Protein backbone atom coordinates (compact mmCIF):
# COMPACT_ATOMS: atom_id res chain seq x y z
CA MET A 1 112.35 74.81 78.25
CA LEU A 2 114.62 74.71 81.29
CA HIS A 3 116.74 77.51 79.84
CA ALA A 4 113.66 79.73 79.52
CA GLN A 5 112.67 79.05 83.14
CA VAL A 6 116.16 79.86 84.36
CA ASP A 7 116.11 83.11 82.35
CA ARG A 8 112.78 84.05 83.95
CA LEU A 9 114.19 83.26 87.39
CA PHE A 10 117.20 85.53 86.84
CA ARG A 11 114.99 88.31 85.50
CA ALA A 12 112.93 87.99 88.69
CA ILE A 13 116.13 88.10 90.76
CA ASP A 14 117.24 91.23 88.89
CA ALA A 15 113.85 92.83 89.54
CA LEU A 16 114.11 91.92 93.23
CA LEU A 17 117.59 93.48 93.39
CA ALA A 18 116.34 96.66 91.77
CA THR A 19 113.38 96.80 94.17
CA LEU A 20 115.60 96.33 97.20
CA LEU A 21 117.97 99.05 96.00
CA LEU A 22 115.12 101.45 95.31
CA ALA A 23 113.57 100.78 98.72
CA MET A 24 116.90 101.34 100.44
CA VAL A 25 117.57 104.60 98.60
CA LEU A 26 114.07 105.93 99.27
CA MET A 27 114.21 105.09 102.97
CA VAL A 28 117.63 106.64 103.50
CA PHE A 29 116.80 109.74 101.44
CA GLY A 30 113.47 110.18 103.19
CA ASN A 31 115.10 109.81 106.59
CA VAL A 32 117.76 112.40 105.72
CA VAL A 33 115.12 114.87 104.53
CA LEU A 34 112.98 114.32 107.62
CA ARG A 35 115.94 114.76 109.94
CA TYR A 36 117.04 117.92 108.18
CA ALA A 37 113.59 119.46 107.84
CA PHE A 38 111.87 118.32 111.04
CA ASN A 39 114.80 117.30 113.25
CA SER A 40 113.35 113.79 113.61
CA GLY A 41 113.45 110.74 111.41
CA ILE A 42 111.79 107.39 111.06
CA VAL A 43 113.57 105.01 113.39
CA VAL A 44 112.55 101.83 111.59
CA SER A 45 113.94 103.09 108.25
CA GLU A 46 117.51 102.65 109.47
CA GLU A 47 116.94 99.01 110.33
CA LEU A 48 114.96 98.29 107.17
CA SER A 49 117.58 99.92 104.95
CA ARG A 50 120.26 97.81 106.64
CA PHE A 51 118.11 94.72 106.08
CA CYS A 52 117.70 95.64 102.39
CA PHE A 53 121.45 96.18 102.07
CA VAL A 54 122.28 92.77 103.52
CA TRP A 55 119.83 90.96 101.24
CA LEU A 56 120.96 93.05 98.28
CA THR A 57 124.49 91.83 98.92
CA PHE A 58 123.51 88.16 99.32
CA ILE A 59 121.18 88.02 96.33
CA GLY A 60 123.60 90.08 94.24
CA ALA A 61 126.35 87.57 94.97
CA ILE A 62 124.07 84.78 93.77
CA ALA A 63 123.35 86.69 90.56
CA VAL A 64 127.06 87.31 89.93
CA ILE A 65 128.03 83.69 90.57
CA ALA A 66 125.22 82.43 88.36
CA ARG A 67 126.48 84.57 85.50
CA GLN A 68 130.00 83.15 86.09
CA ARG A 69 131.60 86.57 86.18
CA PRO A 70 133.72 87.88 89.01
CA PRO A 71 132.52 91.14 90.57
CA GLY A 72 133.82 94.21 88.80
CA HIS A 73 134.39 92.50 85.46
CA GLY A 74 131.13 93.59 83.82
């Protein structure tokens, strides 16, 4: 029972990581397009993408440590 709950928790963590990465990519891409096309971007997207990157790093480190694999060793 505990093993199933832990598996669900890590699936939720993986989903959160994917959501943060998607949000970061969309904000940066959208800001680049807006700056290129309209010569102005969304100011808050820079800060939010940085925020997503920091949390992506922290939560990703937790996921890697929980799987007991060093980064880069698949």
